[in-house]
Amino acid sequence: MKKMKTLKITILTEQDYQKVTLVLQELQNQKLIQIHSNESTPLILSHEQMEEIIDESELGPFYSEEEAKAILHL
């Protein structure tokens, strides 16, 4: 038996979401794939929490606040 593979799929437009979902659900119904939703609720950080994360990352001396936020995906 071959090794299972995990793929990440990005649906490029909202209007194609339903079409792609239907195809994937049909494949799942045929027991060819398993679908695991990877959606998460974004965290809302206060300005103070963001500053603390930047300080702890030690990026402050080398990057502006905006650059550090981008590097840390905040």
PDB file of N, CA and C in Angstrom:
ATOM      1  N   MET A   1       0.846  -1.190   0.000  1.00  0.00           N
ATOM      2  CA  MET A   1       0.000   0.000   0.000  1.00  0.00           C
ATOM      3  C   MET A   1       0.889   1.250   0.000  1.00  0.00           C
ATOM      4  N   LYS A   2       0.528   2.220  -0.792  1.00  0.00           N
ATOM      5  CA  LYS A   2       1.307   3.459  -0.872  1.00  0.00           C
ATOM      6  C   LYS A   2       1.057   4.349   0.341  1.00  0.00           C
ATOM      7  N   LYS A   3       2.015   5.182   0.594  1.00  0.00           N
ATOM      8  CA  LYS A   3       1.939   6.145   1.689  1.00  0.00           C
ATOM      9  C   LYS A   3       0.878   7.206   1.390  1.00  0.00           C
ATOM     10  N   MET A   4       0.133   7.601   2.428  1.00  0.00           N
ATOM     11  CA  MET A   4      -0.856   8.660   2.256  1.00  0.00           C
ATOM     12  C   MET A   4      -0.148   9.997   2.084  1.00  0.00           C
ATOM     13  N   LYS A   5      -0.742  10.875   1.323  1.00  0.00           N
ATOM     14  CA  LYS A   5      -0.190  12.213   1.096  1.00  0.00           C
ATOM     15  C   LYS A   5      -1.195  13.245   1.591  1.00  0.00           C
ATOM     16  N   THR A   6      -0.670  14.322   2.118  1.00  0.00           N
ATOM     17  CA  THR A   6      -1.500  15.428   2.583  1.00  0.00           C
ATOM     18  C   THR A   6      -1.275  16.599   1.644  1.00  0.00           C
ATOM     19  N   LEU A   7      -2.359  17.176   1.169  1.00  0.00           N
ATOM     20  CA  LEU A   7      -2.287  18.324   0.271  1.00  0.00           C
ATOM     21  C   LEU A   7      -3.018  19.494   0.893  1.00  0.00           C
ATOM     22  N   LYS A   8      -2.541  20.683   0.596  1.00  0.00           N
ATOM     23  CA  LYS A   8      -3.238  21.906   0.999  1.00  0.00           C
ATOM     24  C   LYS A   8      -3.833  22.511  -0.264  1.00  0.00           C
ATOM     25  N   ILE A   9      -5.114  22.797  -0.217  1.00  0.00           N
ATOM     26  CA  ILE A   9      -5.808  23.351  -1.381  1.00  0.00           C
ATOM     27  C   ILE A   9      -6.273  24.760  -1.047  1.00  0.00           C
ATOM     28  N   THR A  10      -5.947  25.705  -1.912  1.00  0.00           N
ATOM     29  CA  THR A  10      -6.427  27.073  -1.762  1.00  0.00           C
ATOM     30  C   THR A  10      -7.395  27.348  -2.908  1.00  0.00           C
ATOM     31  N   ILE A  11      -8.624  27.655  -2.555  1.00  0.00           N
ATOM     32  CA  ILE A  11      -9.633  27.981  -3.564  1.00  0.00           C
ATOM     33  C   ILE A  11      -9.509  29.472  -3.845  1.00  0.00           C
ATOM     34  N   LEU A  12      -9.243  29.797  -5.091  1.00  0.00           N
ATOM     35  CA  LEU A  12      -8.844  31.158  -5.435  1.00  0.00           C
ATOM     36  C   LEU A  12      -9.980  32.168  -5.430  1.00  0.00           C
ATOM     37  N   THR A  13     -11.191  31.735  -5.735  1.00  0.00           N
ATOM     38  CA  THR A  13     -12.297  32.694  -5.720  1.00  0.00           C
ATOM     39  C   THR A  13     -13.458  32.135  -4.907  1.00  0.00           C
ATOM     40  N   GLU A  14     -14.182  33.023  -4.282  1.00  0.00           N
ATOM     41  CA  GLU A  14     -15.335  32.638  -3.474  1.00  0.00           C
ATOM     42  C   GLU A  14     -16.395  31.944  -4.332  1.00  0.00           C
ATOM     43  N   GLN A  15     -16.545  32.401  -5.576  1.00  0.00           N
ATOM     44  CA  GLN A  15     -17.578  31.812  -6.435  1.00  0.00           C
ATOM     45  C   GLN A  15     -17.256  30.368  -6.819  1.00  0.00           C
ATOM     46  N   ASP A  16     -15.988  29.974  -6.778  1.00  0.00           N
ATOM     47  CA  ASP A  16     -15.610  28.592  -7.095  1.00  0.00           C
ATOM     48  C   ASP A  16     -15.618  27.689  -5.865  1.00  0.00           C
ATOM     49  N   TYR A  17     -15.805  28.245  -4.700  1.00  0.00           N
ATOM     50  CA  TYR A  17     -15.762  27.476  -3.461  1.00  0.00           C
ATOM     51  C   TYR A  17     -16.765  26.328  -3.471  1.00  0.00           C
ATOM     52  N   GLN A  18     -17.985  26.613  -3.869  1.00  0.00           N
ATOM     53  CA  GLN A  18     -19.033  25.590  -3.855  1.00  0.00           C
ATOM     54  C   GLN A  18     -18.721  24.463  -4.843  1.00  0.00           C
ATOM     55  N   LYS A  19     -18.243  24.803  -6.049  1.00  0.00           N
ATOM     56  CA  LYS A  19     -17.898  23.775  -7.037  1.00  0.00           C
ATOM     57  C   LYS A  19     -16.804  22.857  -6.515  1.00  0.00           C
ATOM     58  N   VAL A  20     -15.745  23.445  -5.975  1.00  0.00           N
ATOM     59  CA  VAL A  20     -14.622  22.663  -5.472  1.00  0.00           C
ATOM     60  C   VAL A  20     -15.061  21.808  -4.288  1.00  0.00           C
ATOM     61  N   THR A  21     -15.861  22.376  -3.411  1.00  0.00           N
ATOM     62  CA  THR A  21     -16.345  21.634  -2.248  1.00  0.00           C
ATOM     63  C   THR A  21     -17.183  20.431  -2.667  1.00  0.00           C
ATOM     64  N   LEU A  22     -18.024  20.604  -3.661  1.00  0.00           N
ATOM     65  CA  LEU A  22     -18.846  19.488  -4.142  1.00  0.00           C
ATOM     66  C   LEU A  22     -17.982  18.358  -4.697  1.00  0.00           C
ATOM     67  N   VAL A  23     -16.960  18.701  -5.466  1.00  0.00           N
ATOM     68  CA  VAL A  23     -16.050  17.688  -6.017  1.00  0.00           C
ATOM     69  C   VAL A  23     -15.344  16.950  -4.886  1.00  0.00           C
ATOM     70  N   LEU A  24     -14.831  17.681  -3.908  1.00  0.00           N
ATOM     71  CA  LEU A  24     -14.126  17.063  -2.790  1.00  0.00           C
ATOM     72  C   LEU A  24     -15.058  16.192  -1.951  1.00  0.00           C
ATOM     73  N   GLN A  25     -16.287  16.650  -1.736  1.00  0.00           N
ATOM     74  CA  GLN A  25     -17.243  15.861  -0.969  1.00  0.00           C
ATOM     75  C   GLN A  25     -17.589  14.561  -1.693  1.00  0.00           C
ATOM     76  N   GLU A  26     -17.697  14.613  -2.999  1.00  0.00           N
ATOM     77  CA  GLU A  26     -17.960  13.401  -3.778  1.00  0.00           C
ATOM     78  C   GLU A  26     -16.797  12.418  -3.638  1.00  0.00           C
ATOM     79  N   LEU A  27     -15.570  12.893  -3.693  1.00  0.00           N
ATOM     80  CA  LEU A  27     -14.410  12.031  -3.497  1.00  0.00           C
ATOM     81  C   LEU A  27     -14.387  11.445  -2.083  1.00  0.00           C
ATOM     82  N   GLN A  28     -14.796  12.226  -1.130  1.00  0.00           N
ATOM     83  CA  GLN A  28     -14.867  11.737   0.249  1.00  0.00           C
ATOM     84  C   GLN A  28     -15.948  10.667   0.369  1.00  0.00           C
ATOM     85  N   ASN A  29     -17.091  10.876  -0.274  1.00  0.00           N
ATOM     86  CA  ASN A  29     -18.177   9.892  -0.248  1.00  0.00           C
ATOM     87  C   ASN A  29     -17.738   8.561  -0.862  1.00  0.00           C
ATOM     88  N   GLN A  30     -16.828   8.632  -1.826  1.00  0.00           N
ATOM     89  CA  GLN A  30     -16.307   7.425  -2.467  1.00  0.00           C
ATOM     90  C   GLN A  30     -15.150   6.807  -1.671  1.00  0.00           C
ATOM     91  N   LYS A  31     -14.868   7.372  -0.489  1.00  0.00           N
ATOM     92  CA  LYS A  31     -13.797   6.897   0.395  1.00  0.00           C
ATOM     93  C   LYS A  31     -12.416   6.985  -0.251  1.00  0.00           C
ATOM     94  N   LEU A  32     -12.234   7.982  -1.129  1.00  0.00           N
ATOM     95  CA  LEU A  32     -10.940   8.211  -1.768  1.00  0.00           C
ATOM     96  C   LEU A  32     -10.092   9.225  -1.003  1.00  0.00           C
ATOM     97  N   ILE A  33     -10.755  10.130  -0.311  1.00  0.00           N
ATOM     98  CA  ILE A  33     -10.052  11.166   0.450  1.00  0.00           C
ATOM     99  C   ILE A  33     -10.757  11.393   1.775  1.00  0.00           C
ATOM    100  N   GLN A  34     -10.064  12.058   2.684  1.00  0.00           N
ATOM    101  CA  GLN A  34     -10.655  12.565   3.916  1.00  0.00           C
ATOM    102  C   GLN A  34     -10.478  14.072   3.911  1.00  0.00           C
ATOM    103  N   ILE A  35     -11.495  14.774   4.340  1.00  0.00           N
ATOM    104  CA  ILE A  35     -11.434  16.237   4.384  1.00  0.00           C
ATOM    105  C   ILE A  35     -11.317  16.671   5.841  1.00  0.00           C
ATOM    106  N   HIS A  36     -10.326  17.502   6.108  1.00  0.00           N
ATOM    107  CA  HIS A  36     -10.139  18.084   7.435  1.00  0.00           C
ATOM    108  C   HIS A  36     -10.119  19.592   7.270  1.00  0.00           C
ATOM    109  N   SER A  37     -11.069  20.261   7.848  1.00  0.00           N
ATOM    110  CA  SER A  37     -11.107  21.717   7.767  1.00  0.00           C
ATOM    111  C   SER A  37      -9.960  22.294   8.573  1.00  0.00           C
ATOM    112  N   ASN A  38      -9.319  23.306   8.009  1.00  0.00           N
ATOM    113  CA  ASN A  38      -8.169  23.920   8.666  1.00  0.00           C
ATOM    114  C   ASN A  38      -8.438  25.375   9.001  1.00  0.00           C
ATOM    115  N   GLU A  39      -9.691  25.725   9.110  1.00  0.00           N
ATOM    116  CA  GLU A  39     -10.037  27.117   9.426  1.00  0.00           C
ATOM    117  C   GLU A  39      -9.884  27.341  10.916  1.00  0.00           C
ATOM    118  N   SER A  40      -9.380  28.491  11.266  1.00  0.00           N
ATOM    119  CA  SER A  40      -9.226  28.836  12.669  1.00  0.00           C
ATOM    120  C   SER A  40      -9.721  30.254  12.893  1.00  0.00           C
ATOM    121  N   THR A  41     -10.097  30.517  14.113  1.00  0.00           N
ATOM    122  CA  THR A  41     -10.547  31.852  14.486  1.00  0.00           C
ATOM    123  C   THR A  41      -9.327  32.701  14.791  1.00  0.00           C
ATOM    124  N   PRO A  42      -9.197  33.842  14.119  1.00  0.00           N
ATOM    125  CA  PRO A  42      -8.022  34.678  14.371  1.00  0.00           C
ATOM    126  C   PRO A  42      -8.036  35.259  15.787  1.00  0.00           C
ATOM    127  N   LEU A  43      -6.865  35.359  16.368  1.00  0.00           N
ATOM    128  CA  LEU A  43      -6.725  35.976  17.675  1.00  0.00           C
ATOM    129  C   LEU A  43      -6.706  37.485  17.524  1.00  0.00           C
ATOM    130  N   ILE A  44      -7.337  38.154  18.435  1.00  0.00           N
ATOM    131  CA  ILE A  44      -7.294  39.615  18.441  1.00  0.00           C
ATOM    132  C   ILE A  44      -6.375  40.031  19.580  1.00  0.00           C
ATOM    133  N   LEU A  45      -5.254  40.628  19.208  1.00  0.00           N
ATOM    134  CA  LEU A  45      -4.257  41.039  20.193  1.00  0.00           C
ATOM    135  C   LEU A  45      -4.368  42.534  20.462  1.00  0.00           C
ATOM    136  N   SER A  46      -4.134  42.902  21.702  1.00  0.00           N
ATOM    137  CA  SER A  46      -4.063  44.323  22.033  1.00  0.00           C
ATOM    138  C   SER A  46      -2.713  44.857  21.559  1.00  0.00           C
ATOM    139  N   HIS A  47      -2.605  46.166  21.483  1.00  0.00           N
ATOM    140  CA  HIS A  47      -1.342  46.799  21.080  1.00  0.00           C
ATOM    141  C   HIS A  47      -0.223  46.409  22.051  1.00  0.00           C
ATOM    142  N   GLU A  48      -0.555  46.342  23.331  1.00  0.00           N
ATOM    143  CA  GLU A  48       0.441  45.975  24.341  1.00  0.00           C
ATOM    144  C   GLU A  48       0.918  44.536  24.133  1.00  0.00           C
ATOM    145  N   GLN A  49      -0.001  43.627  23.791  1.00  0.00           N
ATOM    146  CA  GLN A  49       0.386  42.237  23.555  1.00  0.00           C
ATOM    147  C   GLN A  49       1.300  42.128  22.335  1.00  0.00           C
ATOM    148  N   MET A  50       0.982  42.902  21.283  1.00  0.00           N
ATOM    149  CA  MET A  50       1.829  42.892  20.094  1.00  0.00           C
ATOM    150  C   MET A  50       3.228  43.410  20.426  1.00  0.00           C
ATOM    151  N   GLU A  51       3.289  44.496  21.201  1.00  0.00           N
ATOM    152  CA  GLU A  51       4.590  45.045  21.598  1.00  0.00           C
ATOM    153  C   GLU A  51       5.389  44.029  22.407  1.00  0.00           C
ATOM    154  N   GLU A  52       4.719  43.311  23.296  1.00  0.00           N
ATOM    155  CA  GLU A  52       5.400  42.306  24.114  1.00  0.00           C
ATOM    156  C   GLU A  52       5.953  41.172  23.238  1.00  0.00           C
ATOM    157  N   ILE A  53       5.179  40.732  22.251  1.00  0.00           N
ATOM    158  CA  ILE A  53       5.636  39.674  21.348  1.00  0.00           C
ATOM    159  C   ILE A  53       6.850  40.149  20.554  1.00  0.00           C
ATOM    160  N   ILE A  54       6.801  41.393  20.066  1.00  0.00           N
ATOM    161  CA  ILE A  54       7.935  41.951  19.317  1.00  0.00           C
ATOM    162  C   ILE A  54       9.159  42.059  20.216  1.00  0.00           C
ATOM    163  N   ASP A  55       8.958  42.522  21.457  1.00  0.00           N
ATOM    164  CA  ASP A  55      10.080  42.627  22.405  1.00  0.00           C
ATOM    165  C   ASP A  55      10.703  41.263  22.685  1.00  0.00           C
ATOM    166  N   GLU A  56       9.858  40.256  22.910  1.00  0.00           N
ATOM    167  CA  GLU A  56      10.358  38.915  23.218  1.00  0.00           C
ATOM    168  C   GLU A  56      11.057  38.273  22.017  1.00  0.00           C
ATOM    169  N   SER A  57      10.666  38.671  20.825  1.00  0.00           N
ATOM    170  CA  SER A  57      11.305  38.111  19.631  1.00  0.00           C
ATOM    171  C   SER A  57      12.664  38.754  19.363  1.00  0.00           C
ATOM    172  N   GLU A  58      12.942  39.858  20.052  1.00  0.00           N
ATOM    173  CA  GLU A  58      14.189  40.607  19.914  1.00  0.00           C
ATOM    174  C   GLU A  58      14.400  41.158  18.500  1.00  0.00           C
ATOM    175  N   LEU A  59      13.297  41.446  17.806  1.00  0.00           N
ATOM    176  CA  LEU A  59      13.388  42.057  16.482  1.00  0.00           C
ATOM    177  C   LEU A  59      13.447  43.579  16.555  1.00  0.00           C
ATOM    178  N   GLY A  60      13.007  44.133  17.693  1.00  0.00           N
ATOM    179  CA  GLY A  60      12.905  45.573  17.856  1.00  0.00           C
ATOM    180  C   GLY A  60      14.130  46.372  17.461  1.00  0.00           C
ATOM    181  N   PRO A  61      15.325  45.962  17.887  1.00  0.00           N
ATOM    182  CA  PRO A  61      16.510  46.756  17.546  1.00  0.00           C
ATOM    183  C   PRO A  61      16.855  46.742  16.052  1.00  0.00           C
ATOM    184  N   PHE A  62      16.342  45.763  15.336  1.00  0.00           N
ATOM    185  CA  PHE A  62      16.754  45.587  13.947  1.00  0.00           C
ATOM    186  C   PHE A  62      15.695  45.987  12.926  1.00  0.00           C
ATOM    187  N   TYR A  63      14.427  46.018  13.353  1.00  0.00           N
ATOM    188  CA  TYR A  63      13.334  46.292  12.413  1.00  0.00           C
ATOM    189  C   TYR A  63      12.371  47.306  13.014  1.00  0.00           C
ATOM    190  N   SER A  64      11.657  48.001  12.133  1.00  0.00           N
ATOM    191  CA  SER A  64      10.608  48.906  12.603  1.00  0.00           C
ATOM    192  C   SER A  64       9.453  48.063  13.140  1.00  0.00           C
ATOM    193  N   GLU A  65       8.546  48.701  13.846  1.00  0.00           N
ATOM    194  CA  GLU A  65       7.401  47.978  14.399  1.00  0.00           C
ATOM    195  C   GLU A  65       6.585  47.309  13.292  1.00  0.00           C
ATOM    196  N   GLU A  66       6.374  48.017  12.186  1.00  0.00           N
ATOM    197  CA  GLU A  66       5.608  47.454  11.066  1.00  0.00           C
ATOM    198  C   GLU A  66       6.326  46.261  10.436  1.00  0.00           C
ATOM    199  N   GLU A  67       7.648  46.368  10.272  1.00  0.00           N
ATOM    200  CA  GLU A  67       8.415  45.243   9.703  1.00  0.00           C
ATOM    201  C   GLU A  67       8.374  44.032  10.635  1.00  0.00           C
ATOM    202  N   ALA A  68       8.511  44.279  11.937  1.00  0.00           N
ATOM    203  CA  ALA A  68       8.458  43.182  12.916  1.00  0.00           C
ATOM    204  C   ALA A  68       7.094  42.507  12.902  1.00  0.00           C
ATOM    205  N   LYS A  69       6.019  43.306  12.801  1.00  0.00           N
ATOM    206  CA  LYS A  69       4.664  42.730  12.721  1.00  0.00           C
ATOM    207  C   LYS A  69       4.529  41.848  11.487  1.00  0.00           C
ATOM    208  N   ALA A  70       5.060  42.291  10.383  1.00  0.00           N
ATOM    209  CA  ALA A  70       4.981  41.509   9.154  1.00  0.00           C
ATOM    210  C   ALA A  70       5.770  40.207   9.276  1.00  0.00           C
ATOM    211  N   ILE A  71       6.955  40.280   9.856  1.00  0.00           N
ATOM    212  CA  ILE A  71       7.796  39.086  10.041  1.00  0.00           C
ATOM    213  C   ILE A  71       7.092  38.083  10.952  1.00  0.00           C
ATOM    214  N   LEU A  72       6.450  38.575  11.995  1.00  0.00           N
ATOM    215  CA  LEU A  72       5.792  37.709  12.966  1.00  0.00           C
ATOM    216  C   LEU A  72       4.338  37.384  12.589  1.00  0.00           C
ATOM    217  N   HIS A  73       3.888  37.894  11.451  1.00  0.00           N
ATOM    218  CA  HIS A  73       2.510  37.676  10.982  1.00  0.00           C
ATOM    219  C   HIS A  73       1.481  38.147  12.008  1.00  0.00           C
ATOM    220  N   LEU A  74       1.687  39.336  12.543  1.00  0.00           N
ATOM    221  CA  LEU A  74       0.749  39.919  13.502  1.00  0.00           C
ATOM    222  C   LEU A  74      -0.173  40.906  12.826  1.00  0.00           C
TER     223      LEU A  74
END
